[in-house]
Amino acid sequence: MIEVMRGYVAAAGAALLLLAGCSSEPSEAEQRAADCEAFAAETPGTLERSWAHAMWRDPDSTEDERVAAAKALARETNGDKRDHPYNCDWPAYQALFSYYRDLRAE
């Protein structure tokens, strides 16, 4: 009988540990790694277009942001499209990666 009780206690403890492990939020490093992987899987150019359109829709965007958005759209329209994947570790993509993480958080 004591062995059966120990089995129940052990099973209950394991279930609690499993539930606690499954319900916890990922750490910032784990979340960043997941975001980096998803960022790299995006089709090249889609985030630039999305960002540019967001700048034009946002009444609070600055003139510099609108000019940068217009330039990004003009580059793409003229056939100057990127063909390499996004990389969250490249300094050139830090602003786009921040924008991407904000989109995923919404």
PDB file of N, CA and C in Angstrom:
ATOM      1  N   MET A   1       0.814  -1.188   0.000  1.00  0.00           N
ATOM      2  CA  MET A   1       0.000   0.000   0.000  1.00  0.00           C
ATOM      3  C   MET A   1       0.865   1.262   0.000  1.00  0.00           C
ATOM      4  N   ILE A   2       1.944   1.253   0.778  1.00  0.00           N
ATOM      5  CA  ILE A   2       2.827   2.416   0.831  1.00  0.00           C
ATOM      6  C   ILE A   2       3.489   2.645  -0.530  1.00  0.00           C
ATOM      7  N   GLU A   3       3.833   1.565  -1.207  1.00  0.00           N
ATOM      8  CA  GLU A   3       4.446   1.693  -2.529  1.00  0.00           C
ATOM      9  C   GLU A   3       3.471   2.344  -3.512  1.00  0.00           C
ATOM     10  N   VAL A   4       2.202   1.990  -3.432  1.00  0.00           N
ATOM     11  CA  VAL A   4       1.182   2.570  -4.307  1.00  0.00           C
ATOM     12  C   VAL A   4       1.047   4.059  -4.022  1.00  0.00           C
ATOM     13  N   MET A   5       1.037   4.420  -2.742  1.00  0.00           N
ATOM     14  CA  MET A   5       0.934   5.828  -2.355  1.00  0.00           C
ATOM     15  C   MET A   5       2.140   6.615  -2.873  1.00  0.00           C
ATOM     16  N   ARG A   6       3.321   6.035  -2.740  1.00  0.00           N
ATOM     17  CA  ARG A   6       4.525   6.705  -3.248  1.00  0.00           C
ATOM     18  C   ARG A   6       4.416   6.906  -4.755  1.00  0.00           C
ATOM     19  N   GLY A   7       3.866   5.929  -5.428  1.00  0.00           N
ATOM     20  CA  GLY A   7       3.671   6.040  -6.878  1.00  0.00           C
ATOM     21  C   GLY A   7       2.739   7.179  -7.226  1.00  0.00           C
ATOM     22  N   TYR A   8       1.640   7.316  -6.458  1.00  0.00           N
ATOM     23  CA  TYR A   8       0.710   8.419  -6.698  1.00  0.00           C
ATOM     24  C   TYR A   8       1.362   9.773  -6.432  1.00  0.00           C
ATOM     25  N   VAL A   9       2.105   9.864  -5.360  1.00  0.00           N
ATOM     26  CA  VAL A   9       2.789  11.114  -5.012  1.00  0.00           C
ATOM     27  C   VAL A   9       3.814  11.465  -6.090  1.00  0.00           C
ATOM     28  N   ALA A  10       4.564  10.465  -6.530  1.00  0.00           N
ATOM     29  CA  ALA A  10       5.568  10.700  -7.570  1.00  0.00           C
ATOM     30  C   ALA A  10       4.899  11.139  -8.868  1.00  0.00           C
ATOM     31  N   ALA A  11       3.804  10.485  -9.229  1.00  0.00           N
ATOM     32  CA  ALA A  11       3.081  10.834 -10.454  1.00  0.00           C
ATOM     33  C   ALA A  11       2.509  12.248 -10.363  1.00  0.00           C
ATOM     34  N   ALA A  12       1.957  12.576  -9.202  1.00  0.00           N
ATOM     35  CA  ALA A  12       1.406  13.921  -9.014  1.00  0.00           C
ATOM     36  C   ALA A  12       2.505  14.973  -9.088  1.00  0.00           C
ATOM     37  N   GLY A  13       3.646  14.683  -8.473  1.00  0.00           N
ATOM     38  CA  GLY A  13       4.773  15.615  -8.532  1.00  0.00           C
ATOM     39  C   GLY A  13       5.277  15.796  -9.948  1.00  0.00           C
ATOM     40  N   ALA A  14       5.368  14.713 -10.695  1.00  0.00           N
ATOM     41  CA  ALA A  14       5.815  14.790 -12.090  1.00  0.00           C
ATOM     42  C   ALA A  14       4.835  15.588 -12.926  1.00  0.00           C
ATOM     43  N   ALA A  15       3.539  15.385 -12.680  1.00  0.00           N
ATOM     44  CA  ALA A  15       2.518  16.132 -13.419  1.00  0.00           C
ATOM     45  C   ALA A  15       2.621  17.621 -13.124  1.00  0.00           C
ATOM     46  N   LEU A  16       2.856  17.982 -11.864  1.00  0.00           N
ATOM     47  CA  LEU A  16       3.007  19.390 -11.514  1.00  0.00           C
ATOM     48  C   LEU A  16       4.233  20.002 -12.186  1.00  0.00           C
ATOM     49  N   LEU A  17       5.324  19.278 -12.192  1.00  0.00           N
ATOM     50  CA  LEU A  17       6.531  19.776 -12.857  1.00  0.00           C
ATOM     51  C   LEU A  17       6.300  19.946 -14.344  1.00  0.00           C
ATOM     52  N   LEU A  18       5.621  18.994 -14.950  1.00  0.00           N
ATOM     53  CA  LEU A  18       5.327  19.074 -16.374  1.00  0.00           C
ATOM     54  C   LEU A  18       4.445  20.271 -16.679  1.00  0.00           C
ATOM     55  N   LEU A  19       3.391  20.445 -15.878  1.00  0.00           N
ATOM     56  CA  LEU A  19       2.496  21.590 -16.084  1.00  0.00           C
ATOM     57  C   LEU A  19       3.222  22.911 -15.870  1.00  0.00           C
ATOM     58  N   ALA A  20       4.049  22.987 -14.869  1.00  0.00           N
ATOM     59  CA  ALA A  20       4.792  24.219 -14.602  1.00  0.00           C
ATOM     60  C   ALA A  20       5.757  24.505 -15.737  1.00  0.00           C
ATOM     61  N   GLY A  21       6.378  23.483 -16.271  1.00  0.00           N
ATOM     62  CA  GLY A  21       7.316  23.669 -17.371  1.00  0.00           C
ATOM     63  C   GLY A  21       6.621  24.082 -18.647  1.00  0.00           C
ATOM     64  N   CYS A  22       5.434  23.569 -18.894  1.00  0.00           N
ATOM     65  CA  CYS A  22       4.709  23.874 -20.121  1.00  0.00           C
ATOM     66  C   CYS A  22       4.080  25.257 -20.090  1.00  0.00           C
ATOM     67  N   SER A  23       3.788  25.759 -18.926  1.00  0.00           N
ATOM     68  CA  SER A  23       3.076  27.025 -18.845  1.00  0.00           C
ATOM     69  C   SER A  23       4.000  28.230 -18.698  1.00  0.00           C
ATOM     70  N   SER A  24       5.282  28.002 -18.567  1.00  0.00           N
ATOM     71  CA  SER A  24       6.174  29.139 -18.370  1.00  0.00           C
ATOM     72  C   SER A  24       6.447  29.847 -19.688  1.00  0.00           C
ATOM     73  N   GLU A  25       6.675  31.131 -19.598  1.00  0.00           N
ATOM     74  CA  GLU A  25       7.016  31.944 -20.762  1.00  0.00           C
ATOM     75  C   GLU A  25       8.459  31.671 -21.163  1.00  0.00           C
ATOM     76  N   PRO A  26       8.766  31.766 -22.463  1.00  0.00           N
ATOM     77  CA  PRO A  26      10.162  31.574 -22.870  1.00  0.00           C
ATOM     78  C   PRO A  26      11.020  32.737 -22.374  1.00  0.00           C
ATOM     79  N   SER A  27      12.277  32.461 -22.174  1.00  0.00           N
ATOM     80  CA  SER A  27      13.191  33.524 -21.750  1.00  0.00           C
ATOM     81  C   SER A  27      13.394  34.496 -22.912  1.00  0.00           C
ATOM     82  N   GLU A  28      13.957  35.646 -22.613  1.00  0.00           N
ATOM     83  CA  GLU A  28      14.218  36.643 -23.664  1.00  0.00           C
ATOM     84  C   GLU A  28      15.144  36.057 -24.728  1.00  0.00           C
ATOM     85  N   ALA A  29      16.146  35.305 -24.312  1.00  0.00           N
ATOM     86  CA  ALA A  29      17.074  34.694 -25.276  1.00  0.00           C
ATOM     87  C   ALA A  29      16.351  33.674 -26.156  1.00  0.00           C
ATOM     88  N   GLU A  30      15.480  32.871 -25.560  1.00  0.00           N
ATOM     89  CA  GLU A  30      14.718  31.893 -26.344  1.00  0.00           C
ATOM     90  C   GLU A  30      13.761  32.589 -27.304  1.00  0.00           C
ATOM     91  N   GLN A  31      13.119  33.651 -26.840  1.00  0.00           N
ATOM     92  CA  GLN A  31      12.193  34.392 -27.694  1.00  0.00           C
ATOM     93  C   GLN A  31      12.934  35.070 -28.838  1.00  0.00           C
ATOM     94  N   ARG A  32      14.094  35.644 -28.538  1.00  0.00           N
ATOM     95  CA  ARG A  32      14.887  36.289 -29.586  1.00  0.00           C
ATOM     96  C   ARG A  32      15.340  35.272 -30.625  1.00  0.00           C
ATOM     97  N   ALA A  33      15.760  34.098 -30.171  1.00  0.00           N
ATOM     98  CA  ALA A  33      16.195  33.044 -31.099  1.00  0.00           C
ATOM     99  C   ALA A  33      15.037  32.614 -32.002  1.00  0.00           C
ATOM    100  N   ALA A  34      13.851  32.470 -31.427  1.00  0.00           N
ATOM    101  CA  ALA A  34      12.679  32.104 -32.229  1.00  0.00           C
ATOM    102  C   ALA A  34      12.332  33.215 -33.219  1.00  0.00           C
ATOM    103  N   ASP A  35      12.411  34.463 -32.767  1.00  0.00           N
ATOM    104  CA  ASP A  35      12.139  35.594 -33.652  1.00  0.00           C
ATOM    105  C   ASP A  35      13.177  35.684 -34.768  1.00  0.00           C
ATOM    106  N   CYS A  36      14.444  35.426 -34.445  1.00  0.00           N
ATOM    107  CA  CYS A  36      15.506  35.453 -35.462  1.00  0.00           C
ATOM    108  C   CYS A  36      15.258  34.401 -36.531  1.00  0.00           C
ATOM    109  N   GLU A  37      14.852  33.223 -36.099  1.00  0.00           N
ATOM    110  CA  GLU A  37      14.586  32.140 -37.052  1.00  0.00           C
ATOM    111  C   GLU A  37      13.410  32.499 -37.970  1.00  0.00           C
ATOM    112  N   ALA A  38      12.356  33.038 -37.392  1.00  0.00           N
ATOM    113  CA  ALA A  38      11.194  33.433 -38.185  1.00  0.00           C
ATOM    114  C   ALA A  38      11.529  34.621 -39.083  1.00  0.00           C
ATOM    115  N   PHE A  39      12.331  35.538 -38.602  1.00  0.00           N
ATOM    116  CA  PHE A  39      12.776  36.708 -39.370  1.00  0.00           C
ATOM    117  C   PHE A  39      13.529  36.256 -40.615  1.00  0.00           C
ATOM    118  N   ALA A  40      14.418  35.291 -40.460  1.00  0.00           N
ATOM    119  CA  ALA A  40      15.205  34.778 -41.588  1.00  0.00           C
ATOM    120  C   ALA A  40      14.327  34.058 -42.608  1.00  0.00           C
ATOM    121  N   ALA A  41      13.186  33.529 -42.172  1.00  0.00           N
ATOM    122  CA  ALA A  41      12.303  32.795 -43.076  1.00  0.00           C
ATOM    123  C   ALA A  41      11.386  33.710 -43.892  1.00  0.00           C
ATOM    124  N   GLU A  42      11.310  34.980 -43.533  1.00  0.00           N
ATOM    125  CA  GLU A  42      10.473  35.920 -44.272  1.00  0.00           C
ATOM    126  C   GLU A  42      11.009  36.092 -45.692  1.00  0.00           C
ATOM    127  N   THR A  43      10.108  36.313 -46.628  1.00  0.00           N
ATOM    128  CA  THR A  43      10.508  36.558 -48.011  1.00  0.00           C
ATOM    129  C   THR A  43      11.237  37.896 -48.080  1.00  0.00           C
ATOM    130  N   PRO A  44      12.438  37.920 -48.682  1.00  0.00           N
ATOM    131  CA  PRO A  44      13.189  39.176 -48.770  1.00  0.00           C
ATOM    132  C   PRO A  44      12.365  40.286 -49.417  1.00  0.00           C
ATOM    133  N   GLY A  45      12.360  41.431 -48.771  1.00  0.00           N
ATOM    134  CA  GLY A  45      11.656  42.603 -49.285  1.00  0.00           C
ATOM    135  C   GLY A  45      10.290  42.841 -48.675  1.00  0.00           C
ATOM    136  N   THR A  46       9.692  41.822 -48.082  1.00  0.00           N
ATOM    137  CA  THR A  46       8.340  42.005 -47.553  1.00  0.00           C
ATOM    138  C   THR A  46       8.302  42.953 -46.365  1.00  0.00           C
ATOM    139  N   LEU A  47       9.307  42.892 -45.526  1.00  0.00           N
ATOM    140  CA  LEU A  47       9.299  43.763 -44.351  1.00  0.00           C
ATOM    141  C   LEU A  47       9.573  45.216 -44.723  1.00  0.00           C
ATOM    142  N   GLU A  48      10.417  45.432 -45.717  1.00  0.00           N
ATOM    143  CA  GLU A  48      10.645  46.808 -46.172  1.00  0.00           C
ATOM    144  C   GLU A  48       9.349  47.414 -46.702  1.00  0.00           C
ATOM    145  N   ARG A  49       8.612  46.644 -47.502  1.00  0.00           N
ATOM    146  CA  ARG A  49       7.329  47.124 -48.025  1.00  0.00           C
ATOM    147  C   ARG A  49       6.347  47.395 -46.896  1.00  0.00           C
ATOM    148  N   SER A  50       6.253  46.456 -45.966  1.00  0.00           N
ATOM    149  CA  SER A  50       5.336  46.611 -44.841  1.00  0.00           C
ATOM    150  C   SER A  50       5.680  47.848 -44.026  1.00  0.00           C
ATOM    151  N   TRP A  51       6.977  48.010 -43.739  1.00  0.00           N
ATOM    152  CA  TRP A  51       7.420  49.178 -42.971  1.00  0.00           C
ATOM    153  C   TRP A  51       7.117  50.472 -43.725  1.00  0.00           C
ATOM    154  N   ALA A  52       7.401  50.496 -45.032  1.00  0.00           N
ATOM    155  CA  ALA A  52       7.173  51.710 -45.829  1.00  0.00           C
ATOM    156  C   ALA A  52       5.696  52.091 -45.830  1.00  0.00           C
ATOM    157  N   HIS A  53       4.833  51.125 -46.017  1.00  0.00           N
ATOM    158  CA  HIS A  53       3.396  51.422 -46.002  1.00  0.00           C
ATOM    159  C   HIS A  53       2.939  51.875 -44.617  1.00  0.00           C
ATOM    160  N   ALA A  54       3.503  51.290 -43.578  1.00  0.00           N
ATOM    161  CA  ALA A  54       3.154  51.715 -42.215  1.00  0.00           C
ATOM    162  C   ALA A  54       3.568  53.169 -41.971  1.00  0.00           C
ATOM    163  N   MET A  55       4.720  53.557 -42.498  1.00  0.00           N
ATOM    164  CA  MET A  55       5.178  54.943 -42.330  1.00  0.00           C
ATOM    165  C   MET A  55       4.242  55.917 -43.031  1.00  0.00           C
ATOM    166  N   TRP A  56       3.749  55.525 -44.189  1.00  0.00           N
ATOM    167  CA  TRP A  56       2.842  56.412 -44.924  1.00  0.00           C
ATOM    168  C   TRP A  56       1.473  56.498 -44.252  1.00  0.00           C
ATOM    169  N   ARG A  57       1.035  55.426 -43.593  1.00  0.00           N
ATOM    170  CA  ARG A  57      -0.271  55.443 -42.912  1.00  0.00           C
ATOM    171  C   ARG A  57      -0.218  56.151 -41.570  1.00  0.00           C
ATOM    172  N   ASP A  58       0.951  56.189 -40.961  1.00  0.00           N
ATOM    173  CA  ASP A  58       1.085  56.744 -39.612  1.00  0.00           C
ATOM    174  C   ASP A  58       1.137  58.266 -39.671  1.00  0.00           C
ATOM    175  N   PRO A  59       0.138  58.944 -39.105  1.00  0.00           N
ATOM    176  CA  PRO A  59       0.154  60.409 -39.139  1.00  0.00           C
ATOM    177  C   PRO A  59       1.278  61.007 -38.283  1.00  0.00           C
ATOM    178  N   ASP A  60       1.842  60.222 -37.376  1.00  0.00           N
ATOM    179  CA  ASP A  60       2.912  60.710 -36.514  1.00  0.00           C
ATOM    180  C   ASP A  60       4.305  60.458 -37.070  1.00  0.00           C
ATOM    181  N   SER A  61       4.414  59.836 -38.247  1.00  0.00           N
ATOM    182  CA  SER A  61       5.746  59.575 -38.797  1.00  0.00           C
ATOM    183  C   SER A  61       6.380  60.894 -39.228  1.00  0.00           C
ATOM    184  N   THR A  62       7.687  60.932 -39.107  1.00  0.00           N
ATOM    185  CA  THR A  62       8.415  62.154 -39.425  1.00  0.00           C
ATOM    186  C   THR A  62       8.632  62.266 -40.940  1.00  0.00           C
ATOM    187  N   GLU A  63       9.040  63.437 -41.346  1.00  0.00           N
ATOM    188  CA  GLU A  63       9.333  63.648 -42.768  1.00  0.00           C
ATOM    189  C   GLU A  63      10.476  62.738 -43.211  1.00  0.00           C
ATOM    190  N   ASP A  64      11.495  62.572 -42.368  1.00  0.00           N
ATOM    191  CA  ASP A  64      12.619  61.684 -42.697  1.00  0.00           C
ATOM    192  C   ASP A  64      12.157  60.240 -42.873  1.00  0.00           C
ATOM    193  N   GLU A  65      11.241  59.796 -42.017  1.00  0.00           N
ATOM    194  CA  GLU A  65      10.713  58.430 -42.136  1.00  0.00           C
ATOM    195  C   GLU A  65       9.924  58.262 -43.427  1.00  0.00           C
ATOM    196  N   ARG A  66       9.159  59.266 -43.784  1.00  0.00           N
ATOM    197  CA  ARG A  66       8.381  59.196 -45.031  1.00  0.00           C
ATOM    198  C   ARG A  66       9.294  59.211 -46.253  1.00  0.00           C
ATOM    199  N   VAL A  67      10.349  59.987 -46.202  1.00  0.00           N
ATOM    200  CA  VAL A  67      11.310  60.016 -47.314  1.00  0.00           C
ATOM    201  C   VAL A  67      12.005  58.657 -47.433  1.00  0.00           C
ATOM    202  N   ALA A  68      12.419  58.091 -46.301  1.00  0.00           N
ATOM    203  CA  ALA A  68      13.060  56.768 -46.326  1.00  0.00           C
ATOM    204  C   ALA A  68      12.088  55.717 -46.856  1.00  0.00           C
ATOM    205  N   ALA A  69      10.824  55.822 -46.484  1.00  0.00           N
ATOM    206  CA  ALA A  69       9.811  54.879 -46.972  1.00  0.00           C
ATOM    207  C   ALA A  69       9.627  55.019 -48.478  1.00  0.00           C
ATOM    208  N   ALA A  70       9.571  56.242 -48.956  1.00  0.00           N
ATOM    209  CA  ALA A  70       9.422  56.467 -50.400  1.00  0.00           C
ATOM    210  C   ALA A  70      10.626  55.913 -51.159  1.00  0.00           C
ATOM    211  N   LYS A  71      11.821  56.106 -50.619  1.00  0.00           N
ATOM    212  CA  LYS A  71      13.020  55.574 -51.266  1.00  0.00           C
ATOM    213  C   LYS A  71      13.007  54.048 -51.299  1.00  0.00           C
ATOM    214  N   ALA A  72      12.568  53.431 -50.202  1.00  0.00           N
ATOM    215  CA  ALA A  72      12.507  51.963 -50.151  1.00  0.00           C
ATOM    216  C   ALA A  72      11.531  51.435 -51.198  1.00  0.00           C
ATOM    217  N   LEU A  73      10.383  52.073 -51.321  1.00  0.00           N
ATOM    218  CA  LEU A  73       9.404  51.640 -52.319  1.00  0.00           C
ATOM    219  C   LEU A  73       9.908  51.896 -53.738  1.00  0.00           C
ATOM    220  N   ALA A  74      10.599  53.010 -53.941  1.00  0.00           N
ATOM    221  CA  ALA A  74      11.138  53.315 -55.274  1.00  0.00           C
ATOM    222  C   ALA A  74      12.211  52.312 -55.673  1.00  0.00           C
ATOM    223  N   ARG A  75      13.083  51.941 -54.731  1.00  0.00           N
ATOM    224  CA  ARG A  75      14.117  50.939 -55.039  1.00  0.00           C
ATOM    225  C   ARG A  75      13.479  49.634 -55.494  1.00  0.00           C
ATOM    226  N   GLU A  76      12.457  49.231 -54.787  1.00  0.00           N
ATOM    227  CA  GLU A  76      11.806  47.965 -55.139  1.00  0.00           C
ATOM    228  C   GLU A  76      11.088  48.073 -56.480  1.00  0.00           C
ATOM    229  N   THR A  77      10.418  49.182 -56.719  1.00  0.00           N
ATOM    230  CA  THR A  77       9.709  49.383 -57.977  1.00  0.00           C
ATOM    231  C   THR A  77      10.675  49.378 -59.160  1.00  0.00           C
ATOM    232  N   ASN A  78      11.880  49.901 -58.949  1.00  0.00           N
ATOM    233  CA  ASN A  78      12.881  49.958 -60.011  1.00  0.00           C
ATOM    234  C   ASN A  78      13.649  48.653 -60.181  1.00  0.00           C
ATOM    235  N   GLY A  79      13.251  47.622 -59.474  1.00  0.00           N
ATOM    236  CA  GLY A  79      13.867  46.312 -59.648  1.00  0.00           C
ATOM    237  C   GLY A  79      15.064  46.050 -58.757  1.00  0.00           C
ATOM    238  N   ASP A  80      15.377  46.950 -57.844  1.00  0.00           N
ATOM    239  CA  ASP A  80      16.511  46.761 -56.935  1.00  0.00           C
ATOM    240  C   ASP A  80      16.029  45.985 -55.714  1.00  0.00           C
ATOM    241  N   LYS A  81      15.778  44.697 -55.930  1.00  0.00           N
ATOM    242  CA  LYS A  81      15.219  43.873 -54.858  1.00  0.00           C
ATOM    243  C   LYS A  81      16.306  43.046 -54.204  1.00  0.00           C
ATOM    244  N   ARG A  82      16.159  42.887 -52.902  1.00  0.00           N
ATOM    245  CA  ARG A  82      17.078  42.033 -52.158  1.00  0.00           C
ATOM    246  C   ARG A  82      16.762  40.581 -52.445  1.00  0.00           C
ATOM    247  N   ASP A  83      17.799  39.744 -52.518  1.00  0.00           N
ATOM    248  CA  ASP A  83      17.553  38.330 -52.761  1.00  0.00           C
ATOM    249  C   ASP A  83      18.141  37.445 -51.665  1.00  0.00           C
ATOM    250  N   HIS A  84      18.711  38.026 -50.635  1.00  0.00           N
ATOM    251  CA  HIS A  84      19.273  37.238 -49.533  1.00  0.00           C
ATOM    252  C   HIS A  84      18.354  37.351 -48.311  1.00  0.00           C
ATOM    253  N   PRO A  85      18.387  36.323 -47.466  1.00  0.00           N
ATOM    254  CA  PRO A  85      17.491  36.325 -46.297  1.00  0.00           C
ATOM    255  C   PRO A  85      17.852  37.392 -45.275  1.00  0.00           C
ATOM    256  N   TYR A  86      16.874  37.707 -44.455  1.00  0.00           N
ATOM    257  CA  TYR A  86      17.111  38.627 -43.342  1.00  0.00           C
ATOM    258  C   TYR A  86      17.998  37.942 -42.307  1.00  0.00           C
ATOM    259  N   ASN A  87      18.788  38.748 -41.602  1.00  0.00           N
ATOM    260  CA  ASN A  87      19.650  38.223 -40.544  1.00  0.00           C
ATOM    261  C   ASN A  87      19.562  39.189 -39.370  1.00  0.00           C
ATOM    262  N   CYS A  88      19.070  38.701 -38.246  1.00  0.00           N
ATOM    263  CA  CYS A  88      18.838  39.576 -37.090  1.00  0.00           C
ATOM    264  C   CYS A  88      20.135  40.068 -36.455  1.00  0.00           C
ATOM    265  N   ASP A  89      21.265  39.457 -36.787  1.00  0.00           N
ATOM    266  CA  ASP A  89      22.541  39.858 -36.205  1.00  0.00           C
ATOM    267  C   ASP A  89      23.271  40.915 -37.033  1.00  0.00           C
ATOM    268  N   TRP A  90      22.828  41.172 -38.234  1.00  0.00           N
ATOM    269  CA  TRP A  90      23.480  42.179 -39.070  1.00  0.00           C
ATOM    270  C   TRP A  90      23.037  43.571 -38.631  1.00  0.00           C
ATOM    271  N   PRO A  91      23.972  44.484 -38.422  1.00  0.00           N
ATOM    272  CA  PRO A  91      23.599  45.843 -37.997  1.00  0.00           C
ATOM    273  C   PRO A  91      22.634  46.536 -38.961  1.00  0.00           C
ATOM    274  N   ALA A  92      22.741  46.252 -40.248  1.00  0.00           N
ATOM    275  CA  ALA A  92      21.872  46.895 -41.234  1.00  0.00           C
ATOM    276  C   ALA A  92      20.406  46.507 -41.063  1.00  0.00           C
ATOM    277  N   TYR A  93      20.143  45.377 -40.403  1.00  0.00           N
ATOM    278  CA  TYR A  93      18.775  44.905 -40.252  1.00  0.00           C
ATOM    279  C   TYR A  93      18.214  45.104 -38.844  1.00  0.00           C
ATOM    280  N   GLN A  94      18.923  45.805 -37.989  1.00  0.00           N
ATOM    281  CA  GLN A  94      18.455  45.966 -36.607  1.00  0.00           C
ATOM    282  C   GLN A  94      17.115  46.690 -36.535  1.00  0.00           C
ATOM    283  N   ALA A  95      16.945  47.747 -37.324  1.00  0.00           N
ATOM    284  CA  ALA A  95      15.677  48.480 -37.293  1.00  0.00           C
ATOM    285  C   ALA A  95      14.540  47.610 -37.823  1.00  0.00           C
ATOM    286  N   LEU A  96      14.796  46.861 -38.897  1.00  0.00           N
ATOM    287  CA  LEU A  96      13.762  45.980 -39.438  1.00  0.00           C
ATOM    288  C   LEU A  96      13.439  44.844 -38.465  1.00  0.00           C
ATOM    289  N   PHE A  97      14.466  44.342 -37.773  1.00  0.00           N
ATOM    290  CA  PHE A  97      14.228  43.274 -36.805  1.00  0.00           C
ATOM    291  C   PHE A  97      13.380  43.789 -35.650  1.00  0.00           C
ATOM    292  N   SER A  98      13.638  44.990 -35.188  1.00  0.00           N
ATOM    293  CA  SER A  98      12.805  45.592 -34.132  1.00  0.00           C
ATOM    294  C   SER A  98      11.371  45.770 -34.614  1.00  0.00           C
ATOM    295  N   TYR A  99      11.230  46.245 -35.845  1.00  0.00           N
ATOM    296  CA  TYR A  99       9.903  46.417 -36.448  1.00  0.00           C
ATOM    297  C   TYR A  99       9.190  45.062 -36.530  1.00  0.00           C
ATOM    298  N   TYR A 100       9.924  44.033 -36.951  1.00  0.00           N
ATOM    299  CA  TYR A 100       9.363  42.691 -37.082  1.00  0.00           C
ATOM    300  C   TYR A 100       8.900  42.146 -35.730  1.00  0.00           C
ATOM    301  N   ARG A 101       9.707  42.340 -34.708  1.00  0.00           N
ATOM    302  CA  ARG A 101       9.340  41.860 -33.364  1.00  0.00           C
ATOM    303  C   ARG A 101       8.097  42.598 -32.854  1.00  0.00           C
ATOM    304  N   ASP A 102       8.002  43.879 -33.160  1.00  0.00           N
ATOM    305  CA  ASP A 102       6.804  44.632 -32.767  1.00  0.00           C
ATOM    306  C   ASP A 102       5.565  44.083 -33.475  1.00  0.00           C
ATOM    307  N   LEU A 103       5.713  43.734 -34.758  1.00  0.00           N
ATOM    308  CA  LEU A 103       4.585  43.159 -35.501  1.00  0.00           C
ATOM    309  C   LEU A 103       4.154  41.832 -34.888  1.00  0.00           C
ATOM    310  N   ARG A 104       5.106  41.000 -34.528  1.00  0.00           N
ATOM    311  CA  ARG A 104       4.792  39.686 -33.950  1.00  0.00           C
ATOM    312  C   ARG A 104       4.142  39.822 -32.573  1.00  0.00           C
ATOM    313  N   ALA A 105       4.467  40.894 -31.858  1.00  0.00           N
ATOM    314  CA  ALA A 105       3.912  41.095 -30.517  1.00  0.00           C
ATOM    315  C   ALA A 105       2.460  41.539 -30.549  1.00  0.00           C
ATOM    316  N   GLU A 106       2.029  42.103 -31.661  1.00  0.00           N
ATOM    317  CA  GLU A 106       0.653  42.606 -31.756  1.00  0.00           C
ATOM    318  C   GLU A 106      -0.358  41.498 -31.805  1.00  0.00           C
TER     319      GLU A 106
END
